[in-house]
Amino acid sequence: MISRWAVLPLGLTAAVLGLPLLGLVARADWPALPQLLASQRSLDALRLSLGTCALATLIVVLLGVPTALVLARSRGRWATLGRTLVTVPMVLPPVVAGLALLTTLGRRGLVGQYLAAWGIDLGFSTAAVVIAQVFVALPFLVVSLEGALRSAGQDYERAASYLGASPSRTLFTVTLPMAAPALASGTALSFARALGEFGATLTFAGSLQGVTRTLPLEIYLLRESSSDLALALAVVLLGVASLVVWFALHVQSRGRHE
């Protein structure tokens, strides 16, 4: 049962979170939306955001799945240190994350200076956008997938091992299918987080149209010079993010009932 007193905080929460989004949708110039989104600036930002987010999400899955598996099966201080390292980027201010990337991978950074000697300059490039997105999105997949793997236990994996299955075969035929809902929802949330990334991208990658200027950066630049276009892009970003989050929650809900 739900206590009656909880209804008031629920209503206030809905107002605090929902009214700003409703205001954004209400202020958008819907009749002019197709024309606004057909502009070159809009198309460049949309193309760049979707392309870099897709690549970043792929990298997140390739790195995050093994990392989550190792953390879920590990104990002790090193496992705690690993979980801390994975979680910290989730709570860092975006500008701090960007500065960390710039001072490490920039032309004069800790690692970037050696890459620059080989002619590799990551800062203020499309690659920098992808790196920033991976940095902020990777923890979302690792944390959600690790929790699912830890709660599922290892009974089925041990049974597969007793039957002669190799660790790799057990991973792909037992472990990952059992954690599929968490993997799908974590991947969706990582994509949504990468799509909304702003501060780290601006600090590490800059804002070059068609090269590093993603949707959030374009919206930020247009908020004063062309508010109608900024609102149109904001509505698109809100729509995509809402769809991705709905998918993640839907997958989680189906996973709990199966």
Protein backbone atom coordinates (compact mmCIF):
# COMPACT_ATOMS: atom_id res chain seq x y z
CA MET A 1 0.00 0.00 0.00
CA ILE A 2 1.02 3.61 -0.59
CA SER A 3 0.64 6.07 2.29
CA ARG A 4 -1.63 9.01 1.58
CA TRP A 5 0.99 11.49 2.73
CA ALA A 6 3.25 10.37 -0.14
CA VAL A 7 0.83 11.78 -2.72
CA LEU A 8 1.78 15.39 -2.01
CA PRO A 9 5.56 14.88 -2.45
CA LEU A 10 4.79 12.88 -5.60
CA GLY A 11 2.81 15.78 -7.00
CA LEU A 12 5.57 18.25 -6.13
CA THR A 13 8.15 15.99 -7.74
CA ALA A 14 6.07 15.75 -10.90
CA ALA A 15 5.76 19.54 -10.96
CA VAL A 16 9.47 20.18 -10.35
CA LEU A 17 10.55 17.72 -13.04
CA GLY A 18 7.68 17.91 -15.48
CA LEU A 19 6.80 21.60 -15.72
CA PRO A 20 10.18 22.74 -17.15
CA LEU A 21 9.95 20.03 -19.82
CA LEU A 22 6.35 20.99 -20.56
CA GLY A 23 7.41 24.64 -20.84
CA LEU A 24 10.12 23.69 -23.32
CA VAL A 25 7.68 21.77 -25.50
CA ALA A 26 5.02 24.52 -25.27
CA ARG A 27 7.42 27.29 -26.33
CA ALA A 28 8.70 25.47 -29.41
CA ASP A 29 7.51 26.77 -32.79
CA TRP A 30 5.95 23.53 -34.00
CA PRO A 31 4.72 24.75 -37.42
CA ALA A 32 8.23 25.95 -38.29
CA LEU A 33 9.97 22.91 -36.78
CA PRO A 34 10.66 21.05 -40.08
CA GLN A 35 12.12 24.15 -41.68
CA LEU A 36 14.27 24.93 -38.64
CA LEU A 37 15.62 21.40 -38.44
CA ALA A 38 16.46 21.42 -42.16
CA SER A 39 19.08 24.16 -41.69
CA GLN A 40 22.71 23.24 -42.23
CA ARG A 41 23.64 23.93 -38.62
CA SER A 42 20.91 21.62 -37.38
CA LEU A 43 21.80 18.82 -39.79
CA ASP A 44 25.50 19.05 -38.95
CA ALA A 45 24.79 18.90 -35.21
CA LEU A 46 22.32 16.02 -35.56
CA ARG A 47 24.61 14.02 -37.82
CA LEU A 48 27.63 14.54 -35.60
CA SER A 49 25.78 13.76 -32.36
CA LEU A 50 24.17 10.56 -33.61
CA GLY A 51 27.36 9.33 -35.27
CA THR A 52 29.66 9.98 -32.33
CA CYS A 53 27.11 8.62 -29.83
CA ALA A 54 26.76 5.39 -31.81
CA LEU A 55 30.53 4.92 -31.90
CA ALA A 56 30.93 5.87 -28.24
CA THR A 57 28.19 3.42 -27.23
CA LEU A 58 29.90 0.62 -29.16
CA ILE A 59 33.16 1.34 -27.34
CA VAL A 60 31.30 1.50 -24.02
CA VAL A 61 29.87 -1.98 -24.60
CA LEU A 62 33.22 -3.45 -25.65
CA LEU A 63 34.97 -2.02 -22.60
CA GLY A 64 32.12 -2.08 -20.10
CA VAL A 65 30.96 -5.69 -20.34
CA PRO A 66 34.33 -7.27 -19.40
CA THR A 67 34.89 -4.60 -16.75
CA ALA A 68 31.50 -5.22 -15.15
CA LEU A 69 32.10 -8.98 -15.20
CA VAL A 70 35.49 -8.68 -13.49
CA LEU A 71 34.16 -6.30 -10.83
CA ALA A 72 31.10 -8.48 -10.19
CA ARG A 73 33.26 -11.54 -9.59
CA SER A 74 35.97 -9.78 -7.55
CA ARG A 75 36.27 -9.07 -3.85
CA GLY A 76 38.68 -7.14 -1.66
CA ARG A 77 40.33 -3.75 -1.75
CA TRP A 78 41.25 -3.87 -5.43
CA ALA A 79 37.65 -4.51 -6.40
CA THR A 80 36.56 -1.60 -4.22
CA LEU A 81 39.19 0.61 -5.84
CA GLY A 82 37.96 -0.44 -9.28
CA ARG A 83 34.34 0.35 -8.41
CA THR A 84 35.39 3.73 -7.05
CA LEU A 85 37.32 4.50 -10.23
CA VAL A 86 34.32 3.57 -12.36
CA THR A 87 31.86 5.58 -10.27
CA VAL A 88 33.83 8.85 -9.90
CA PRO A 89 33.16 10.10 -13.47
CA MET A 90 29.43 9.90 -12.75
CA VAL A 91 29.69 12.57 -10.03
CA LEU A 92 32.41 14.78 -11.50
CA PRO A 93 31.34 18.19 -12.81
CA PRO A 94 31.45 17.97 -16.64
CA VAL A 95 34.01 20.78 -16.90
CA VAL A 96 36.32 18.92 -14.51
CA ALA A 97 35.98 15.79 -16.65
CA GLY A 98 36.91 17.86 -19.71
CA LEU A 99 39.93 19.36 -17.95
CA ALA A 100 41.05 15.89 -16.90
CA LEU A 101 40.90 14.71 -20.52
CA LEU A 102 42.60 17.87 -21.81
CA THR A 103 45.48 17.71 -19.34
CA THR A 104 45.99 14.04 -20.13
CA LEU A 105 45.30 13.71 -23.86
CA GLY A 106 45.71 17.30 -25.07
CA ARG A 107 48.71 18.33 -27.17
CA ARG A 108 50.69 19.24 -24.04
CA GLY A 109 49.03 16.66 -21.82
CA LEU A 110 50.58 13.86 -19.83
CA VAL A 111 50.01 11.34 -22.62
CA GLY A 112 49.06 13.69 -25.45
CA GLN A 113 52.55 15.18 -25.75
CA TYR A 114 53.90 11.78 -26.74
CA LEU A 115 51.03 11.18 -29.13
CA ALA A 116 51.68 14.61 -30.69
CA ALA A 117 55.27 13.58 -31.36
CA TRP A 118 53.84 10.82 -33.55
CA GLY A 119 51.51 13.25 -35.30
CA ILE A 120 48.42 12.22 -33.33
CA ASP A 121 46.49 15.22 -31.99
CA LEU A 122 43.31 14.18 -30.20
CA GLY A 123 42.26 17.47 -28.67
CA PHE A 124 39.64 19.58 -30.50
CA SER A 125 38.80 16.82 -32.96
CA THR A 126 35.88 14.48 -33.59
CA ALA A 127 37.87 11.77 -31.80
CA ALA A 128 37.91 14.03 -28.73
CA VAL A 129 34.11 14.14 -28.82
CA VAL A 130 33.93 10.34 -28.81
CA ILE A 131 36.50 10.09 -25.99
CA ALA A 132 34.56 12.59 -23.86
CA GLN A 133 31.32 10.70 -24.46
CA VAL A 134 32.92 7.37 -23.54
CA PHE A 135 34.40 8.88 -20.38
CA VAL A 136 31.04 10.08 -19.06
CA ALA A 137 28.86 7.21 -20.38
CA LEU A 138 30.96 4.14 -19.56
CA PRO A 139 30.15 4.14 -15.82
CA PHE A 140 26.41 3.90 -16.51
CA LEU A 141 26.81 0.56 -18.27
CA VAL A 142 29.36 -0.85 -15.83
CA VAL A 143 27.38 0.03 -12.70
CA SER A 144 24.05 -1.30 -13.98
CA LEU A 145 25.51 -4.48 -15.47
CA GLU A 146 27.72 -5.23 -12.47
CA GLY A 147 24.75 -4.99 -10.13
CA ALA A 148 22.76 -7.42 -12.28
CA LEU A 149 25.64 -9.89 -12.47
CA ARG A 150 26.23 -9.77 -8.71
CA SER A 151 22.55 -10.34 -7.90
CA ALA A 152 22.25 -13.21 -10.39
CA GLY A 153 24.94 -15.22 -8.63
CA GLN A 154 27.18 -17.87 -10.19
CA ASP A 155 25.16 -21.09 -9.84
CA TYR A 156 24.36 -21.44 -13.55
CA GLU A 157 27.91 -20.52 -14.49
CA ARG A 158 29.29 -23.21 -12.18
CA ALA A 159 26.87 -25.75 -13.67
CA ALA A 160 28.04 -24.86 -17.18
CA SER A 161 31.66 -25.20 -16.07
CA TYR A 162 30.99 -28.64 -14.55
CA LEU A 163 29.47 -29.68 -17.88
CA GLY A 164 32.69 -28.78 -19.67
CA ALA A 165 31.95 -25.31 -21.03
CA SER A 166 34.91 -23.00 -21.37
CA PRO A 167 34.87 -19.60 -19.58
CA SER A 168 34.28 -17.82 -22.90
CA ARG A 169 31.43 -20.12 -23.89
CA THR A 170 29.89 -19.75 -20.44
CA LEU A 171 30.08 -15.98 -20.80
CA PHE A 172 28.27 -15.88 -24.15
CA THR A 173 25.75 -18.67 -23.57
CA VAL A 174 24.93 -18.30 -19.86
CA THR A 175 26.15 -15.08 -18.24
CA LEU A 176 25.25 -12.49 -20.86
CA PRO A 177 21.83 -13.97 -21.76
CA MET A 178 20.90 -13.89 -18.06
CA ALA A 179 22.02 -10.26 -17.80
CA ALA A 180 20.56 -9.23 -21.18
CA PRO A 181 17.94 -6.83 -19.73
CA ALA A 182 20.59 -5.02 -17.65
CA LEU A 183 22.94 -4.94 -20.62
CA ALA A 184 20.27 -3.49 -22.92
CA SER A 185 19.09 -0.88 -20.42
CA GLY A 186 22.66 0.07 -19.48
CA THR A 187 23.55 0.46 -23.14
CA ALA A 188 20.50 2.66 -23.74
CA LEU A 189 21.29 4.85 -20.73
CA SER A 190 24.90 5.16 -21.86
CA PHE A 191 23.73 6.31 -25.29
CA ALA A 192 21.42 8.87 -23.70
CA ARG A 193 24.20 10.15 -21.45
CA ALA A 194 26.58 10.46 -24.38
CA LEU A 195 23.92 12.29 -26.40
CA GLY A 196 23.49 14.87 -23.66
CA GLU A 197 27.17 15.38 -22.92
CA PHE A 198 28.16 19.06 -22.94
CA GLY A 199 30.83 20.27 -20.50
CA ALA A 200 33.55 17.70 -21.12
CA THR A 201 33.04 17.96 -24.88
CA LEU A 202 33.26 21.76 -24.88
CA THR A 203 36.43 21.75 -22.74
CA PHE A 204 38.27 18.93 -24.49
CA ALA A 205 36.91 19.07 -28.05
CA GLY A 206 35.87 22.69 -28.51
CA SER A 207 33.01 23.82 -30.76
CA LEU A 208 33.71 23.51 -34.48
CA GLN A 209 30.67 23.14 -36.74
CA GLY A 210 30.54 19.72 -38.35
CA VAL A 211 33.62 18.58 -36.41
CA THR A 212 32.97 18.85 -32.66
CA ARG A 213 29.78 20.88 -32.27
CA THR A 214 27.23 18.36 -31.03
CA LEU A 215 23.55 19.04 -30.34
CA PRO A 216 24.02 20.33 -26.77
CA LEU A 217 26.77 22.70 -27.91
CA GLU A 218 24.68 23.97 -30.81
CA ILE A 219 21.73 24.59 -28.52
CA TYR A 220 23.96 26.51 -26.11
CA LEU A 221 25.32 28.74 -28.88
CA LEU A 222 21.88 29.38 -30.40
CA ARG A 223 20.04 30.19 -27.18
CA GLU A 224 20.50 33.95 -27.68
CA SER A 225 21.10 34.40 -31.42
CA SER A 226 18.28 32.11 -32.63
CA SER A 227 16.01 30.99 -29.82
CA ASP A 228 13.51 29.29 -32.16
CA LEU A 229 16.19 27.03 -33.62
CA ALA A 230 17.62 26.37 -30.15
CA LEU A 231 14.17 25.31 -28.93
CA ALA A 232 13.64 23.11 -32.00
CA LEU A 233 16.92 21.29 -31.38
CA ALA A 234 16.14 21.04 -27.68
CA VAL A 235 12.81 19.38 -28.48
CA VAL A 236 14.59 16.87 -30.72
CA LEU A 237 17.14 16.13 -28.00
CA LEU A 238 14.37 15.77 -25.42
CA GLY A 239 12.44 13.43 -27.70
CA VAL A 240 15.39 11.15 -28.43
CA ALA A 241 16.46 11.07 -24.78
CA SER A 242 12.91 10.29 -23.64
CA LEU A 243 12.59 7.48 -26.16
CA VAL A 244 15.92 5.94 -25.13
CA VAL A 245 15.13 6.18 -21.39
CA TRP A 246 11.66 4.69 -21.99
CA PHE A 247 13.29 1.78 -23.79
CA ALA A 248 15.73 1.25 -20.92
CA LEU A 249 12.95 1.26 -18.32
CA HIS A 250 10.78 -1.01 -20.47
CA VAL A 251 13.58 -3.55 -20.80
CA GLN A 252 14.26 -3.43 -17.05
CA SER A 253 10.57 -3.96 -16.30
CA ARG A 254 10.33 -6.96 -18.63
CA GLY A 255 13.51 -8.41 -17.13
CA ARG A 256 12.03 -8.27 -13.60
CA HIS A 257 8.87 -10.08 -14.68
CA GLU A 258 10.59 -12.89 -16.58
